């Protein structure tokens, strides 16, 4: 295999992994009712996930804060509509969801 073929294969593999992670995370969001209030690109009750990613893109503390918000709920960051708590969501799933949202 020459260098050009190897580079193409590497890019294809990375794209497949990224797509799989994104799909898995969106499925996780659906499984945990996140998509009842949020979508990737449109505001419903809560902000679109891409709005959240944009708001916190330069905030080093965002991941920890958002994991807490997902688990415990809250209000005030995006208006007066409260985000309900998700106490049955595992810490691992909360981190996965937040990392996915912040990657958008």
PDB file of N, CA and C in Angstrom:
ATOM      1  N   UNK A   1       0.857  -1.167   0.000  1.00  0.00           N
ATOM      2  CA  UNK A   1       0.000   0.000   0.000  1.00  0.00           C
ATOM      3  C   UNK A   1       0.906   1.234   0.000  1.00  0.00           C
ATOM      4  N   UNK A   2       0.618   2.144  -0.914  1.00  0.00           N
ATOM      5  CA  UNK A   2       1.452   3.342  -0.973  1.00  0.00           C
ATOM      6  C   UNK A   2       0.936   4.399   0.006  1.00  0.00           C
ATOM      7  N   UNK A   3       1.685   5.469   0.153  1.00  0.00           N
ATOM      8  CA  UNK A   3       1.362   6.515   1.136  1.00  0.00           C
ATOM      9  C   UNK A   3       0.015   7.168   0.842  1.00  0.00           C
ATOM     10  N   UNK A   4      -0.308   7.376  -0.423  1.00  0.00           N
ATOM     11  CA  UNK A   4      -1.579   8.009  -0.798  1.00  0.00           C
ATOM     12  C   UNK A   4      -2.762   7.115  -0.413  1.00  0.00           C
ATOM     13  N   UNK A   5      -2.651   5.821  -0.644  1.00  0.00           N
ATOM     14  CA  UNK A   5      -3.709   4.884  -0.278  1.00  0.00           C
ATOM     15  C   UNK A   5      -3.854   4.808   1.243  1.00  0.00           C
ATOM     16  N   UNK A   6      -2.729   4.814   1.932  1.00  0.00           N
ATOM     17  CA  UNK A   6      -2.750   4.773   3.396  1.00  0.00           C
ATOM     18  C   UNK A   6      -3.419   6.024   3.960  1.00  0.00           C
ATOM     19  N   UNK A   7      -3.129   7.176   3.383  1.00  0.00           N
ATOM     20  CA  UNK A   7      -3.746   8.422   3.830  1.00  0.00           C
ATOM     21  C   UNK A   7      -5.254   8.390   3.615  1.00  0.00           C
ATOM     22  N   UNK A   8      -5.701   7.894   2.471  1.00  0.00           N
ATOM     23  CA  UNK A   8      -7.141   7.786   2.194  1.00  0.00           C
ATOM     24  C   UNK A   8      -7.814   6.836   3.175  1.00  0.00           C
ATOM     25  N   UNK A   9      -7.169   5.713   3.431  1.00  0.00           N
ATOM     26  CA  UNK A   9      -7.711   4.735   4.369  1.00  0.00           C
ATOM     27  C   UNK A   9      -7.801   5.321   5.779  1.00  0.00           C
ATOM     28  N   UNK A  10      -6.796   6.057   6.171  1.00  0.00           N
ATOM     29  CA  UNK A  10      -6.796   6.699   7.496  1.00  0.00           C
ATOM     30  C   UNK A  10      -7.934   7.704   7.612  1.00  0.00           C
ATOM     31  N   UNK A  11      -8.117   8.533   6.598  1.00  0.00           N
ATOM     32  CA  UNK A  11      -9.205   9.520   6.614  1.00  0.00           C
ATOM     33  C   UNK A  11     -10.566   8.842   6.634  1.00  0.00           C
ATOM     34  N   UNK A  12     -10.738   7.801   5.856  1.00  0.00           N
ATOM     35  CA  UNK A  12     -11.993   7.066   5.825  1.00  0.00           C
ATOM     36  C   UNK A  12     -12.282   6.438   7.182  1.00  0.00           C
ATOM     37  N   UNK A  13     -11.275   5.845   7.795  1.00  0.00           N
ATOM     38  CA  UNK A  13     -11.442   5.238   9.124  1.00  0.00           C
ATOM     39  C   UNK A  13     -11.835   6.281  10.159  1.00  0.00           C
ATOM     40  N   UNK A  14     -11.185   7.429  10.137  1.00  0.00           N
ATOM     41  CA  UNK A  14     -11.509   8.500  11.090  1.00  0.00           C
ATOM     42  C   UNK A  14     -12.931   8.984  10.883  1.00  0.00           C
ATOM     43  N   UNK A  15     -13.352   9.125   9.645  1.00  0.00           N
ATOM     44  CA  UNK A  15     -14.718   9.571   9.355  1.00  0.00           C
ATOM     45  C   UNK A  15     -15.737   8.553   9.853  1.00  0.00           C
ATOM     46  N   UNK A  16     -15.442   7.276   9.692  1.00  0.00           N
ATOM     47  CA  UNK A  16     -16.366   6.235  10.149  1.00  0.00           C
ATOM     48  C   UNK A  16     -16.472   6.236  11.665  1.00  0.00           C
ATOM     49  N   UNK A  17     -15.362   6.391  12.356  1.00  0.00           N
ATOM     50  CA  UNK A  17     -15.375   6.424  13.818  1.00  0.00           C
ATOM     51  C   UNK A  17     -16.150   7.645  14.304  1.00  0.00           C
ATOM     52  N   UNK A  18     -15.897   8.803  13.697  1.00  0.00           N
ATOM     53  CA  UNK A  18     -16.599  10.032  14.084  1.00  0.00           C
ATOM     54  C   UNK A  18     -18.096   9.893  13.859  1.00  0.00           C
ATOM     55  N   UNK A  19     -18.497   9.333  12.726  1.00  0.00           N
ATOM     56  CA  UNK A  19     -19.916   9.132  12.426  1.00  0.00           C
ATOM     57  C   UNK A  19     -20.541   8.171  13.420  1.00  0.00           C
ATOM     58  N   UNK A  20     -19.839   7.105  13.755  1.00  0.00           N
ATOM     59  CA  UNK A  20     -20.355   6.131  14.713  1.00  0.00           C
ATOM     60  C   UNK A  20     -20.538   6.766  16.083  1.00  0.00           C
ATOM     61  N   UNK A  21     -19.570   7.550  16.534  1.00  0.00           N
ATOM     62  CA  UNK A  21     -19.674   8.222  17.837  1.00  0.00           C
ATOM     63  C   UNK A  21     -20.836   9.204  17.818  1.00  0.00           C
ATOM     64  N   UNK A  22     -20.960  10.000  16.775  1.00  0.00           N
ATOM     65  CA  UNK A  22     -22.045  10.976  16.689  1.00  0.00           C
ATOM     66  C   UNK A  22     -23.389  10.283  16.683  1.00  0.00           C
ATOM     67  N   UNK A  23     -23.520   9.212  15.915  1.00  0.00           N
ATOM     68  CA  UNK A  23     -24.777   8.482  15.865  1.00  0.00           C
ATOM     69  C   UNK A  23     -25.087   7.875  17.220  1.00  0.00           C
ATOM     70  N   UNK A  24     -24.091   7.271  17.847  1.00  0.00           N
ATOM     71  CA  UNK A  24     -24.306   6.658  19.158  1.00  0.00           C
ATOM     72  C   UNK A  24     -24.718   7.707  20.179  1.00  0.00           C
ATOM     73  N   UNK A  25     -24.109   8.872  20.130  1.00  0.00           N
ATOM     74  CA  UNK A  25     -24.443   9.916  21.092  1.00  0.00           C
ATOM     75  C   UNK A  25     -25.828  10.496  20.834  1.00  0.00           C
ATOM     76  N   UNK A  26     -26.205  10.642  19.573  1.00  0.00           N
ATOM     77  CA  UNK A  26     -27.557  11.123  19.273  1.00  0.00           C
ATOM     78  C   UNK A  26     -28.586  10.075  19.694  1.00  0.00           C
ATOM     79  N   UNK A  27     -28.267   8.806  19.512  1.00  0.00           N
ATOM     80  CA  UNK A  27     -29.155   7.739  19.987  1.00  0.00           C
ATOM     81  C   UNK A  27     -29.267   7.778  21.511  1.00  0.00           C
ATOM     82  N   UNK A  28     -28.159   8.038  22.184  1.00  0.00           N
ATOM     83  CA  UNK A  28     -28.162   8.158  23.641  1.00  0.00           C
ATOM     84  C   UNK A  28     -29.038   9.327  24.076  1.00  0.00           C
ATOM     85  N   UNK A  29     -28.961  10.432  23.342  1.00  0.00           N
ATOM     86  CA  UNK A  29     -29.808  11.592  23.640  1.00  0.00           C
ATOM     87  C   UNK A  29     -31.283  11.231  23.474  1.00  0.00           C
ATOM     88  N   UNK A  30     -31.608  10.487  22.426  1.00  0.00           N
ATOM     89  CA  UNK A  30     -32.994  10.071  22.213  1.00  0.00           C
ATOM     90  C   UNK A  30     -33.468   9.113  23.290  1.00  0.00           C
ATOM     91  N   UNK A  31     -32.624   8.173  23.651  1.00  0.00           N
ATOM     92  CA  UNK A  31     -32.954   7.173  24.670  1.00  0.00           C
ATOM     93  C   UNK A  31     -33.238   7.824  26.029  1.00  0.00           C
ATOM     94  N   UNK A  32     -32.578   8.950  26.290  1.00  0.00           N
ATOM     95  CA  UNK A  32     -32.719   9.610  27.590  1.00  0.00           C
ATOM     96  C   UNK A  32     -33.623  10.838  27.546  1.00  0.00           C
ATOM     97  N   UNK A  33     -34.459  10.920  26.526  1.00  0.00           N
ATOM     98  CA  UNK A  33     -35.476  11.974  26.373  1.00  0.00           C
ATOM     99  C   UNK A  33     -34.916  13.377  26.182  1.00  0.00           C
ATOM    100  N   UNK A  34     -33.641  13.514  25.880  1.00  0.00           N
ATOM    101  CA  UNK A  34     -33.068  14.839  25.621  1.00  0.00           C
ATOM    102  C   UNK A  34     -33.728  15.479  24.402  1.00  0.00           C
ATOM    103  N   UNK A  35     -34.090  14.627  23.427  1.00  0.00           N
ATOM    104  CA  UNK A  35     -34.640  15.135  22.177  1.00  0.00           C
ATOM    105  C   UNK A  35     -36.094  15.565  22.308  1.00  0.00           C
ATOM    106  N   UNK A  36     -36.664  15.431  23.497  1.00  0.00           N
ATOM    107  CA  UNK A  36     -38.003  15.968  23.742  1.00  0.00           C
ATOM    108  C   UNK A  36     -37.954  17.490  23.828  1.00  0.00           C
ATOM    109  N   UNK A  37     -36.834  18.035  24.267  1.00  0.00           N
ATOM    110  CA  UNK A  37     -36.691  19.483  24.454  1.00  0.00           C
ATOM    111  C   UNK A  37     -35.613  20.105  23.579  1.00  0.00           C
ATOM    112  N   UNK A  38     -34.704  19.302  23.051  1.00  0.00           N
ATOM    113  CA  UNK A  38     -33.573  19.800  22.263  1.00  0.00           C
ATOM    114  C   UNK A  38     -33.502  19.078  20.926  1.00  0.00           C
ATOM    115  N   UNK A  39     -32.931  19.738  19.929  1.00  0.00           N
ATOM    116  CA  UNK A  39     -32.503  19.081  18.691  1.00  0.00           C
ATOM    117  C   UNK A  39     -31.077  19.551  18.433  1.00  0.00           C
ATOM    118  N   UNK A  40     -30.460  18.984  17.444  1.00  0.00           N
ATOM    119  CA  UNK A  40     -29.095  19.377  17.129  1.00  0.00           C
ATOM    120  C   UNK A  40     -29.052  20.823  16.648  1.00  0.00           C
ATOM    121  N   UNK A  41     -30.003  21.204  15.784  1.00  0.00           N
ATOM    122  CA  UNK A  41     -29.866  22.508  15.126  1.00  0.00           C
ATOM    123  C   UNK A  41     -31.049  23.461  15.247  1.00  0.00           C
ATOM    124  N   UNK A  42     -32.074  23.114  16.027  1.00  0.00           N
ATOM    125  CA  UNK A  42     -33.229  24.004  16.188  1.00  0.00           C
ATOM    126  C   UNK A  42     -33.655  24.070  17.648  1.00  0.00           C
ATOM    127  N   UNK A  43     -34.035  25.254  18.085  1.00  0.00           N
ATOM    128  CA  UNK A  43     -34.567  25.432  19.446  1.00  0.00           C
ATOM    129  C   UNK A  43     -35.956  24.825  19.507  1.00  0.00           C
ATOM    130  N   UNK A  44     -36.218  24.048  20.537  1.00  0.00           N
ATOM    131  CA  UNK A  44     -37.573  23.579  20.826  1.00  0.00           C
ATOM    132  C   UNK A  44     -37.935  24.264  22.140  1.00  0.00           C
ATOM    133  N   UNK A  45     -37.931  23.539  23.238  1.00  0.00           N
ATOM    134  CA  UNK A  45     -38.090  24.160  24.560  1.00  0.00           C
ATOM    135  C   UNK A  45     -36.741  24.658  25.064  1.00  0.00           C
ATOM    136  N   UNK A  46     -35.737  23.835  24.869  1.00  0.00           N
ATOM    137  CA  UNK A  46     -34.380  24.202  25.243  1.00  0.00           C
ATOM    138  C   UNK A  46     -33.602  24.595  24.006  1.00  0.00           C
ATOM    139  N   UNK A  47     -32.415  25.115  24.193  1.00  0.00           N
ATOM    140  CA  UNK A  47     -31.606  25.551  23.050  1.00  0.00           C
ATOM    141  C   UNK A  47     -31.167  24.365  22.194  1.00  0.00           C
ATOM    142  N   UNK A  48     -30.867  24.653  20.940  1.00  0.00           N
ATOM    143  CA  UNK A  48     -30.286  23.641  20.059  1.00  0.00           C
ATOM    144  C   UNK A  48     -28.911  23.259  20.589  1.00  0.00           C
ATOM    145  N   UNK A  49     -28.529  22.027  20.377  1.00  0.00           N
ATOM    146  CA  UNK A  49     -27.224  21.574  20.843  1.00  0.00           C
ATOM    147  C   UNK A  49     -26.090  22.396  20.241  1.00  0.00           C
ATOM    148  N   UNK A  50     -26.230  22.826  18.986  1.00  0.00           N
ATOM    149  CA  UNK A  50     -25.153  23.631  18.392  1.00  0.00           C
ATOM    150  C   UNK A  50     -25.065  25.005  19.054  1.00  0.00           C
ATOM    151  N   UNK A  51     -26.181  25.525  19.579  1.00  0.00           N
ATOM    152  CA  UNK A  51     -26.137  26.793  20.322  1.00  0.00           C
ATOM    153  C   UNK A  51     -25.381  26.605  21.638  1.00  0.00           C
ATOM    154  N   UNK A  52     -25.619  25.483  22.274  1.00  0.00           N
ATOM    155  CA  UNK A  52     -24.912  25.186  23.530  1.00  0.00           C
ATOM    156  C   UNK A  52     -23.418  25.073  23.267  1.00  0.00           C
ATOM    157  N   UNK A  53     -23.056  24.342  22.207  1.00  0.00           N
ATOM    158  CA  UNK A  53     -21.638  24.186  21.857  1.00  0.00           C
ATOM    159  C   UNK A  53     -20.993  25.539  21.582  1.00  0.00           C
ATOM    160  N   UNK A  54     -21.696  26.399  20.857  1.00  0.00           N
ATOM    161  CA  UNK A  54     -21.148  27.723  20.528  1.00  0.00           C
ATOM    162  C   UNK A  54     -20.976  28.583  21.780  1.00  0.00           C
ATOM    163  N   UNK A  55     -21.967  28.537  22.668  1.00  0.00           N
ATOM    164  CA  UNK A  55     -21.914  29.364  23.873  1.00  0.00           C
ATOM    165  C   UNK A  55     -20.730  28.991  24.771  1.00  0.00           C
ATOM    166  N   UNK A  56     -20.422  27.706  24.841  1.00  0.00           N
ATOM    167  CA  UNK A  56     -19.409  27.235  25.790  1.00  0.00           C
ATOM    168  C   UNK A  56     -18.100  26.810  25.129  1.00  0.00           C
ATOM    169  N   UNK A  57     -17.890  27.151  23.850  1.00  0.00           N
ATOM    170  CA  UNK A  57     -16.719  26.651  23.130  1.00  0.00           C
ATOM    171  C   UNK A  57     -15.386  27.053  23.749  1.00  0.00           C
ATOM    172  N   UNK A  58     -15.316  28.194  24.395  1.00  0.00           N
ATOM    173  CA  UNK A  58     -14.048  28.643  24.979  1.00  0.00           C
ATOM    174  C   UNK A  58     -14.027  28.554  26.509  1.00  0.00           C
ATOM    175  N   UNK A  59     -14.969  27.829  27.069  1.00  0.00           N
ATOM    176  CA  UNK A  59     -15.105  27.735  28.522  1.00  0.00           C
ATOM    177  C   UNK A  59     -14.537  26.397  29.003  1.00  0.00           C
ATOM    178  N   UNK A  60     -13.396  26.432  29.637  1.00  0.00           N
ATOM    179  CA  UNK A  60     -12.728  25.209  30.104  1.00  0.00           C
ATOM    180  C   UNK A  60     -13.540  24.476  31.168  1.00  0.00           C
ATOM    181  N   UNK A  61     -14.387  25.179  31.890  1.00  0.00           N
ATOM    182  CA  UNK A  61     -15.187  24.565  32.950  1.00  0.00           C
ATOM    183  C   UNK A  61     -16.555  24.097  32.463  1.00  0.00           C
ATOM    184  N   UNK A  62     -16.837  24.271  31.180  1.00  0.00           N
ATOM    185  CA  UNK A  62     -18.173  23.987  30.652  1.00  0.00           C
ATOM    186  C   UNK A  62     -18.579  22.530  30.806  1.00  0.00           C
ATOM    187  N   UNK A  63     -17.669  21.620  30.500  1.00  0.00           N
ATOM    188  CA  UNK A  63     -18.051  20.204  30.551  1.00  0.00           C
ATOM    189  C   UNK A  63     -18.554  19.816  31.934  1.00  0.00           C
ATOM    190  N   UNK A  64     -17.802  20.146  32.950  1.00  0.00           N
ATOM    191  CA  UNK A  64     -18.204  19.796  34.322  1.00  0.00           C
ATOM    192  C   UNK A  64     -19.519  20.464  34.695  1.00  0.00           C
ATOM    193  N   UNK A  65     -19.673  21.743  34.361  1.00  0.00           N
ATOM    194  CA  UNK A  65     -20.896  22.474  34.672  1.00  0.00           C
ATOM    195  C   UNK A  65     -22.096  21.868  33.948  1.00  0.00           C
ATOM    196  N   UNK A  66     -21.920  21.518  32.672  1.00  0.00           N
ATOM    197  CA  UNK A  66     -23.036  20.971  31.902  1.00  0.00           C
ATOM    198  C   UNK A  66     -23.411  19.562  32.346  1.00  0.00           C
ATOM    199  N   UNK A  67     -22.433  18.766  32.737  1.00  0.00           N
ATOM    200  CA  UNK A  67     -22.751  17.443  33.279  1.00  0.00           C
ATOM    201  C   UNK A  67     -23.604  17.607  34.531  1.00  0.00           C
ATOM    202  N   UNK A  68     -23.233  18.539  35.389  1.00  0.00           N
ATOM    203  CA  UNK A  68     -24.028  18.814  36.586  1.00  0.00           C
ATOM    204  C   UNK A  68     -25.432  19.282  36.211  1.00  0.00           C
ATOM    205  N   UNK A  69     -25.535  20.145  35.215  1.00  0.00           N
ATOM    206  CA  UNK A  69     -26.835  20.663  34.783  1.00  0.00           C
ATOM    207  C   UNK A  69     -27.705  19.533  34.221  1.00  0.00           C
ATOM    208  N   UNK A  70     -27.105  18.649  33.443  1.00  0.00           N
ATOM    209  CA  UNK A  70     -27.853  17.521  32.876  1.00  0.00           C
ATOM    210  C   UNK A  70     -28.360  16.613  33.990  1.00  0.00           C
ATOM    211  N   UNK A  71     -27.516  16.334  34.959  1.00  0.00           N
ATOM    212  CA  UNK A  71     -27.897  15.424  36.045  1.00  0.00           C
ATOM    213  C   UNK A  71     -28.887  16.054  37.025  1.00  0.00           C
ATOM    214  N   UNK A  72     -28.677  17.338  37.374  1.00  0.00           N
ATOM    215  CA  UNK A  72     -29.453  17.960  38.445  1.00  0.00           C
ATOM    216  C   UNK A  72     -30.491  18.966  37.988  1.00  0.00           C
ATOM    217  N   UNK A  73     -30.498  19.289  36.701  1.00  0.00           N
ATOM    218  CA  UNK A  73     -31.454  20.272  36.191  1.00  0.00           C
ATOM    219  C   UNK A  73     -31.052  21.683  36.581  1.00  0.00           C
ATOM    220  N   UNK A  74     -31.886  22.631  36.226  1.00  0.00           N
ATOM    221  CA  UNK A  74     -31.615  24.017  36.580  1.00  0.00           C
ATOM    222  C   UNK A  74     -32.395  24.959  35.689  1.00  0.00           C
ATOM    223  N   UNK A  75     -32.206  26.243  35.909  1.00  0.00           N
ATOM    224  CA  UNK A  75     -32.881  27.268  35.118  1.00  0.00           C
ATOM    225  C   UNK A  75     -32.025  28.524  35.102  1.00  0.00           C
ATOM    226  N   UNK A  76     -32.261  29.376  34.107  1.00  0.00           N
ATOM    227  CA  UNK A  76     -31.604  30.671  34.094  1.00  0.00           C
ATOM    228  C   UNK A  76     -30.550  30.875  33.030  1.00  0.00           C
ATOM    229  N   UNK A  77     -29.879  29.826  32.575  1.00  0.00           N
ATOM    230  CA  UNK A  77     -28.836  30.005  31.563  1.00  0.00           C
ATOM    231  C   UNK A  77     -29.403  30.310  30.184  1.00  0.00           C
ATOM    232  N   UNK A  78     -30.619  29.842  29.910  1.00  0.00           N
ATOM    233  CA  UNK A  78     -31.234  29.995  28.596  1.00  0.00           C
ATOM    234  C   UNK A  78     -32.660  30.535  28.726  1.00  0.00           C
ATOM    235  N   UNK A  79     -32.944  31.257  29.762  1.00  0.00           N
ATOM    236  CA  UNK A  79     -34.297  31.769  29.973  1.00  0.00           C
ATOM    237  C   UNK A  79     -34.907  31.113  31.195  1.00  0.00           C
ATOM    238  N   UNK A  80     -36.208  31.245  31.315  1.00  0.00           N
ATOM    239  CA  UNK A  80     -36.870  30.773  32.530  1.00  0.00           C
ATOM    240  C   UNK A  80     -37.457  29.371  32.433  1.00  0.00           C
ATOM    241  N   UNK A  81     -37.382  28.727  31.267  1.00  0.00           N
ATOM    242  CA  UNK A  81     -37.874  27.354  31.156  1.00  0.00           C
ATOM    243  C   UNK A  81     -36.878  26.446  31.855  1.00  0.00           C
ATOM    244  N   UNK A  82     -37.321  25.722  32.881  1.00  0.00           N
ATOM    245  CA  UNK A  82     -36.375  24.883  33.627  1.00  0.00           C
ATOM    246  C   UNK A  82     -35.961  23.640  32.854  1.00  0.00           C
ATOM    247  N   UNK A  83     -34.733  23.239  33.071  1.00  0.00           N
ATOM    248  CA  UNK A  83     -34.268  21.944  32.577  1.00  0.00           C
ATOM    249  C   UNK A  83     -34.513  20.956  33.704  1.00  0.00           C
ATOM    250  N   UNK A  84     -35.309  19.914  33.441  1.00  0.00           N
ATOM    251  CA  UNK A  84     -35.578  18.956  34.517  1.00  0.00           C
ATOM    252  C   UNK A  84     -34.343  18.127  34.844  1.00  0.00           C
ATOM    253  N   UNK A  85     -34.238  17.653  36.062  1.00  0.00           N
ATOM    254  CA  UNK A  85     -33.107  16.796  36.429  1.00  0.00           C
ATOM    255  C   UNK A  85     -33.232  15.421  35.774  1.00  0.00           C
ATOM    256  N   UNK A  86     -32.118  14.779  35.607  1.00  0.00           N
ATOM    257  CA  UNK A  86     -32.049  13.421  35.057  1.00  0.00           C
ATOM    258  C   UNK A  86     -31.257  12.538  36.012  1.00  0.00           C
ATOM    259  N   UNK A  87     -31.791  12.304  37.221  1.00  0.00           N
ATOM    260  CA  UNK A  87     -31.021  11.606  38.249  1.00  0.00           C
ATOM    261  C   UNK A  87     -30.721  10.143  37.927  1.00  0.00           C
ATOM    262  N   UNK A  88     -31.470   9.529  37.016  1.00  0.00           N
ATOM    263  CA  UNK A  88     -31.205   8.128  36.688  1.00  0.00           C
ATOM    264  C   UNK A  88     -30.166   7.968  35.585  1.00  0.00           C
ATOM    265  N   UNK A  89     -29.774   9.065  34.953  1.00  0.00           N
ATOM    266  CA  UNK A  89     -28.737   9.036  33.926  1.00  0.00           C
ATOM    267  C   UNK A  89     -27.389   8.772  34.593  1.00  0.00           C
ATOM    268  N   UNK A  90     -26.663   7.802  34.091  1.00  0.00           N
ATOM    269  CA  UNK A  90     -25.356   7.501  34.692  1.00  0.00           C
ATOM    270  C   UNK A  90     -24.396   8.662  34.448  1.00  0.00           C
ATOM    271  N   UNK A  91     -23.414   8.776  35.318  1.00  0.00           N
ATOM    272  CA  UNK A  91     -22.384   9.801  35.142  1.00  0.00           C
ATOM    273  C   UNK A  91     -21.674   9.621  33.802  1.00  0.00           C
ATOM    274  N   UNK A  92     -21.391   8.387  33.442  1.00  0.00           N
ATOM    275  CA  UNK A  92     -20.700   8.097  32.181  1.00  0.00           C
ATOM    276  C   UNK A  92     -21.530   8.569  30.980  1.00  0.00           C
ATOM    277  N   UNK A  93     -22.827   8.283  30.999  1.00  0.00           N
ATOM    278  CA  UNK A  93     -23.685   8.725  29.899  1.00  0.00           C
ATOM    279  C   UNK A  93     -23.819  10.245  29.873  1.00  0.00           C
ATOM    280  N   UNK A  94     -23.880  10.865  31.032  1.00  0.00           N
ATOM    281  CA  UNK A  94     -23.961  12.330  31.085  1.00  0.00           C
ATOM    282  C   UNK A  94     -22.711  12.953  30.479  1.00  0.00           C
ATOM    283  N   UNK A  95     -21.550  12.421  30.795  1.00  0.00           N
ATOM    284  CA  UNK A  95     -20.292  12.922  30.237  1.00  0.00           C
ATOM    285  C   UNK A  95     -20.271  12.702  28.724  1.00  0.00           C
ATOM    286  N   UNK A  96     -20.680  11.526  28.280  1.00  0.00           N
ATOM    287  CA  UNK A  96     -20.709  11.228  26.844  1.00  0.00           C
ATOM    288  C   UNK A  96     -21.615  12.208  26.111  1.00  0.00           C
ATOM    289  N   UNK A  97     -22.796  12.459  26.647  1.00  0.00           N
ATOM    290  CA  UNK A  97     -23.728  13.397  26.018  1.00  0.00           C
ATOM    291  C   UNK A  97     -23.157  14.809  25.965  1.00  0.00           C
ATOM    292  N   UNK A  98     -22.607  15.259  27.051  1.00  0.00           N
ATOM    293  CA  UNK A  98     -22.056  16.624  27.100  1.00  0.00           C
ATOM    294  C   UNK A  98     -20.872  16.751  26.160  1.00  0.00           C
ATOM    295  N   UNK A  99     -19.990  15.783  26.135  1.00  0.00           N
ATOM    296  CA  UNK A  99     -18.847  15.841  25.226  1.00  0.00           C
ATOM    297  C   UNK A  99     -19.314  15.864  23.771  1.00  0.00           C
ATOM    298  N   UNK A 100     -20.342  15.098  23.465  1.00  0.00           N
ATOM    299  CA  UNK A 100     -20.894  15.083  22.111  1.00  0.00           C
ATOM    300  C   UNK A 100     -21.467  16.460  21.758  1.00  0.00           C
ATOM    301  N   UNK A 101     -22.280  17.023  22.667  1.00  0.00           N
ATOM    302  CA  UNK A 101     -22.872  18.344  22.403  1.00  0.00           C
ATOM    303  C   UNK A 101     -21.769  19.378  22.198  1.00  0.00           C
ATOM    304  N   UNK A 102     -20.771  19.377  23.046  1.00  0.00           N
ATOM    305  CA  UNK A 102     -19.694  20.363  22.930  1.00  0.00           C
ATOM    306  C   UNK A 102     -18.849  20.172  21.675  1.00  0.00           C
ATOM    307  N   UNK A 103     -18.904  18.995  21.082  1.00  0.00           N
ATOM    308  CA  UNK A 103     -18.129  18.733  19.863  1.00  0.00           C
ATOM    309  C   UNK A 103     -18.827  19.240  18.600  1.00  0.00           C
ATOM    310  N   UNK A 104     -20.072  19.645  18.731  1.00  0.00           N
ATOM    311  CA  UNK A 104     -20.845  20.056  17.543  1.00  0.00           C
ATOM    312  C   UNK A 104     -20.430  21.420  17.051  1.00  0.00           C
TER     313      UNK A 104
END
